[in-house]
Amino acid sequence: MDFRYRFALGLSSVDRAGVLFYPELFRHAHDACEAFLAHIGQPLHELLAAGAMALPVVHAEADYLAPLRHGVEVETVVTVGAVGDTSFRLDCAFYTPGGDLAARARSVHVCIDTGGGRPLPLPAALRQRLQAG
């Protein structure tokens, strides 16, 4: 299942040339992934509320293919990549208003215990929803 997320590219996300400032892509990817988790019934704030586990990003990468300009509406498509015992990957594709692929971002999240930072198995409900997605 692809999850679609839209946002308007505001002034705070662009550089002096009016084009998406490269680190802002990761902020928008995170926002899209957080919306995706809520969409599948696993809101991030609820997953982290107990305080015993965290889901830090341990790897992130991006490719920039075409400029995204200030004021445009960007469509982001989130898909689930691999789901492991303790981690999962989310892939985001960013499209221009004309439907052209402008950027891709990928993030790998690992479930850890907050006390010692050791990997933990993904919560069963989260794993199930990710695999269904």
C-alpha atoms as a PDB file:
ATOM      1  CA  MET A   1       0.000   0.000   0.000  1.00  0.00           C
ATOM      2  CA  ASP A   2       1.315   3.421  -0.948  1.00  0.00           C
ATOM      3  CA  PHE A   3       0.510   6.274   1.410  1.00  0.00           C
ATOM      4  CA  ARG A   4       0.191   9.721  -0.143  1.00  0.00           C
ATOM      5  CA  TYR A   5       1.059  12.861   1.783  1.00  0.00           C
ATOM      6  CA  ARG A   6       0.912  16.407   0.421  1.00  0.00           C
ATOM      7  CA  PHE A   7       2.498  19.595   1.664  1.00  0.00           C
ATOM      8  CA  ALA A   8       3.099  23.104   0.370  1.00  0.00           C
ATOM      9  CA  LEU A   9       6.764  24.009   0.106  1.00  0.00           C
ATOM     10  CA  GLY A  10       7.058  27.038   2.360  1.00  0.00           C
ATOM     11  CA  LEU A  11       9.675  29.754   2.546  1.00  0.00           C
ATOM     12  CA  SER A  12      11.366  28.135   5.560  1.00  0.00           C
ATOM     13  CA  SER A  13      12.223  25.066   3.439  1.00  0.00           C
ATOM     14  CA  VAL A  14      13.944  26.755   0.508  1.00  0.00           C
ATOM     15  CA  ASP A  15      17.355  28.282  -0.098  1.00  0.00           C
ATOM     16  CA  ARG A  16      18.109  31.735  -1.455  1.00  0.00           C
ATOM     17  CA  ALA A  17      17.367  30.540  -4.992  1.00  0.00           C
ATOM     18  CA  GLY A  18      13.852  29.502  -3.933  1.00  0.00           C
ATOM     19  CA  VAL A  19      14.611  25.785  -4.280  1.00  0.00           C
ATOM     20  CA  LEU A  20      14.229  23.128  -1.595  1.00  0.00           C
ATOM     21  CA  PHE A  21      17.240  23.381   0.740  1.00  0.00           C
ATOM     22  CA  TYR A  22      18.748  19.890   0.766  1.00  0.00           C
ATOM     23  CA  PRO A  23      18.439  19.015   4.519  1.00  0.00           C
ATOM     24  CA  GLU A  24      14.783  20.051   4.476  1.00  0.00           C
ATOM     25  CA  LEU A  25      14.012  16.990   2.369  1.00  0.00           C
ATOM     26  CA  PHE A  26      14.685  14.832   5.438  1.00  0.00           C
ATOM     27  CA  ARG A  27      12.338  16.957   7.578  1.00  0.00           C
ATOM     28  CA  HIS A  28       9.564  16.557   5.042  1.00  0.00           C
ATOM     29  CA  ALA A  29      10.319  12.834   4.727  1.00  0.00           C
ATOM     30  CA  HIS A  30      10.046  12.490   8.506  1.00  0.00           C
ATOM     31  CA  ASP A  31       6.715  14.362   8.524  1.00  0.00           C
ATOM     32  CA  ALA A  32       5.400  12.058   5.778  1.00  0.00           C
ATOM     33  CA  CYS A  33       6.605   8.937   7.621  1.00  0.00           C
ATOM     34  CA  GLU A  34       5.043  10.114  10.871  1.00  0.00           C
ATOM     35  CA  ALA A  35       1.739  10.692   9.044  1.00  0.00           C
ATOM     36  CA  PHE A  36       2.064   7.215   7.507  1.00  0.00           C
ATOM     37  CA  LEU A  37       2.522   5.606  10.935  1.00  0.00           C
ATOM     38  CA  ALA A  38      -0.595   7.389  12.191  1.00  0.00           C
ATOM     39  CA  HIS A  39      -2.463   6.251   9.055  1.00  0.00           C
ATOM     40  CA  ILE A  40      -1.668   2.580   9.778  1.00  0.00           C
ATOM     41  CA  GLY A  41      -2.839   2.969  13.382  1.00  0.00           C
ATOM     42  CA  GLN A  42       0.620   3.232  14.952  1.00  0.00           C
ATOM     43  CA  PRO A  43       1.050   6.934  15.804  1.00  0.00           C
ATOM     44  CA  LEU A  44       4.664   7.651  16.684  1.00  0.00           C
ATOM     45  CA  HIS A  45       3.785   9.630  19.798  1.00  0.00           C
ATOM     46  CA  GLU A  46       1.856   6.635  21.149  1.00  0.00           C
ATOM     47  CA  LEU A  47       4.646   4.180  20.307  1.00  0.00           C
ATOM     48  CA  LEU A  48       7.132   6.323  22.217  1.00  0.00           C
ATOM     49  CA  ALA A  49       4.837   7.405  25.073  1.00  0.00           C
ATOM     50  CA  ALA A  50       5.759   4.569  27.442  1.00  0.00           C
ATOM     51  CA  GLY A  51       9.389   5.648  27.305  1.00  0.00           C
ATOM     52  CA  ALA A  52      10.843   2.112  27.323  1.00  0.00           C
ATOM     53  CA  MET A  53      11.664   2.077  23.606  1.00  0.00           C
ATOM     54  CA  ALA A  54      12.753   4.431  20.868  1.00  0.00           C
ATOM     55  CA  LEU A  55      12.855   4.207  17.069  1.00  0.00           C
ATOM     56  CA  PRO A  56      15.901   6.231  16.024  1.00  0.00           C
ATOM     57  CA  VAL A  57      16.937   6.614  12.412  1.00  0.00           C
ATOM     58  CA  VAL A  58      20.201   4.736  11.939  1.00  0.00           C
ATOM     59  CA  HIS A  59      20.556   5.327   8.204  1.00  0.00           C
ATOM     60  CA  ALA A  60      19.225   7.994   5.867  1.00  0.00           C
ATOM     61  CA  GLU A  61      19.942   8.730   2.240  1.00  0.00           C
ATOM     62  CA  ALA A  62      18.479  10.895  -0.489  1.00  0.00           C
ATOM     63  CA  ASP A  63      18.657  11.523  -4.213  1.00  0.00           C
ATOM     64  CA  TYR A  64      17.721  14.894  -5.686  1.00  0.00           C
ATOM     65  CA  LEU A  65      16.500  14.639  -9.264  1.00  0.00           C
ATOM     66  CA  ALA A  66      14.658  17.880 -10.055  1.00  0.00           C
ATOM     67  CA  PRO A  67      14.142  21.187  -8.235  1.00  0.00           C
ATOM     68  CA  LEU A  68      11.190  21.679  -5.933  1.00  0.00           C
ATOM     69  CA  ARG A  69      10.370  25.383  -5.790  1.00  0.00           C
ATOM     70  CA  HIS A  70       8.886  27.648  -3.145  1.00  0.00           C
ATOM     71  CA  GLY A  71       5.096  27.679  -3.146  1.00  0.00           C
ATOM     72  CA  VAL A  72       4.453  24.417  -4.979  1.00  0.00           C
ATOM     73  CA  GLU A  73       2.396  21.571  -3.586  1.00  0.00           C
ATOM     74  CA  VAL A  74       4.528  18.458  -3.295  1.00  0.00           C
ATOM     75  CA  GLU A  75       3.076  14.973  -3.272  1.00  0.00           C
ATOM     76  CA  THR A  76       5.026  12.429  -1.254  1.00  0.00           C
ATOM     77  CA  VAL A  77       4.457   8.696  -1.596  1.00  0.00           C
ATOM     78  CA  VAL A  78       5.589   6.579   1.357  1.00  0.00           C
ATOM     79  CA  THR A  79       6.185   2.862   0.946  1.00  0.00           C
ATOM     80  CA  VAL A  80       7.464   0.257   3.357  1.00  0.00           C
ATOM     81  CA  GLY A  81      10.776  -1.267   2.368  1.00  0.00           C
ATOM     82  CA  ALA A  82      12.222  -4.121   4.392  1.00  0.00           C
ATOM     83  CA  VAL A  83      10.813  -5.107   7.787  1.00  0.00           C
ATOM     84  CA  GLY A  84      13.268  -6.994  10.000  1.00  0.00           C
ATOM     85  CA  ASP A  85      13.167  -8.326  13.539  1.00  0.00           C
ATOM     86  CA  THR A  86      14.298  -5.040  15.102  1.00  0.00           C
ATOM     87  CA  SER A  87      14.139  -2.547  12.238  1.00  0.00           C
ATOM     88  CA  PHE A  88      12.173  -1.275   9.263  1.00  0.00           C
ATOM     89  CA  ARG A  89      12.825   0.892   6.220  1.00  0.00           C
ATOM     90  CA  LEU A  90      10.555   3.583   4.824  1.00  0.00           C
ATOM     91  CA  ASP A  91      10.975   4.977   1.321  1.00  0.00           C
ATOM     92  CA  CYS A  92       9.615   8.349   0.244  1.00  0.00           C
ATOM     93  CA  ALA A  93       9.230   9.613  -3.308  1.00  0.00           C
ATOM     94  CA  PHE A  94       8.641  13.359  -3.823  1.00  0.00           C
ATOM     95  CA  TYR A  95       6.794  14.547  -6.934  1.00  0.00           C
ATOM     96  CA  THR A  96       6.495  17.943  -8.601  1.00  0.00           C
ATOM     97  CA  PRO A  97       3.033  19.366  -9.298  1.00  0.00           C
ATOM     98  CA  GLY A  98       3.457  18.060 -12.855  1.00  0.00           C
ATOM     99  CA  GLY A  99       3.966  14.517 -11.562  1.00  0.00           C
ATOM    100  CA  ASP A 100       7.708  14.254 -12.168  1.00  0.00           C
ATOM    101  CA  LEU A 101       9.857  12.470  -9.591  1.00  0.00           C
ATOM    102  CA  ALA A 102      11.924  15.214  -7.922  1.00  0.00           C
ATOM    103  CA  ALA A 103      13.577  13.376  -5.023  1.00  0.00           C
ATOM    104  CA  ARG A 104      13.785  10.126  -3.111  1.00  0.00           C
ATOM    105  CA  ALA A 105      14.571   9.630   0.572  1.00  0.00           C
ATOM    106  CA  ARG A 106      15.085   6.425   2.518  1.00  0.00           C
ATOM    107  CA  SER A 107      15.297   5.941   6.278  1.00  0.00           C
ATOM    108  CA  VAL A 108      16.017   2.886   8.414  1.00  0.00           C
ATOM    109  CA  HIS A 109      14.570   2.883  11.936  1.00  0.00           C
ATOM    110  CA  VAL A 110      15.715   0.525  14.705  1.00  0.00           C
ATOM    111  CA  CYS A 111      13.729  -0.307  17.812  1.00  0.00           C
ATOM    112  CA  ILE A 112      15.944   0.089  20.890  1.00  0.00           C
ATOM    113  CA  ASP A 113      15.469   0.091  24.631  1.00  0.00           C
ATOM    114  CA  THR A 114      15.951   3.571  26.011  1.00  0.00           C
ATOM    115  CA  GLY A 115      17.858   2.344  29.058  1.00  0.00           C
ATOM    116  CA  GLY A 116      20.841   0.782  27.342  1.00  0.00           C
ATOM    117  CA  GLY A 117      20.332   1.364  23.637  1.00  0.00           C
ATOM    118  CA  ARG A 118      20.155  -2.350  22.827  1.00  0.00           C
ATOM    119  CA  PRO A 119      18.016  -3.487  19.880  1.00  0.00           C
ATOM    120  CA  LEU A 120      14.545  -4.767  20.761  1.00  0.00           C
ATOM    121  CA  PRO A 121      12.065  -6.722  18.665  1.00  0.00           C
ATOM    122  CA  LEU A 122       9.603  -4.458  16.898  1.00  0.00           C
ATOM    123  CA  PRO A 123       6.269  -4.334  18.752  1.00  0.00           C
ATOM    124  CA  ALA A 124       4.005  -7.009  17.266  1.00  0.00           C
ATOM    125  CA  ALA A 125       1.255  -4.582  16.232  1.00  0.00           C
ATOM    126  CA  LEU A 126       3.744  -2.288  14.495  1.00  0.00           C
ATOM    127  CA  ARG A 127       5.377  -5.194  12.649  1.00  0.00           C
ATOM    128  CA  GLN A 128       1.983  -6.494  11.515  1.00  0.00           C
ATOM    129  CA  ARG A 129       0.837  -3.102  10.230  1.00  0.00           C
ATOM    130  CA  LEU A 130       4.142  -2.435   8.455  1.00  0.00           C
ATOM    131  CA  GLN A 131       4.044  -5.828   6.751  1.00  0.00           C
ATOM    132  CA  ALA A 132       0.432  -5.238   5.685  1.00  0.00           C
ATOM    133  CA  GLY A 133       1.404  -1.802   4.328  1.00  0.00           C
END
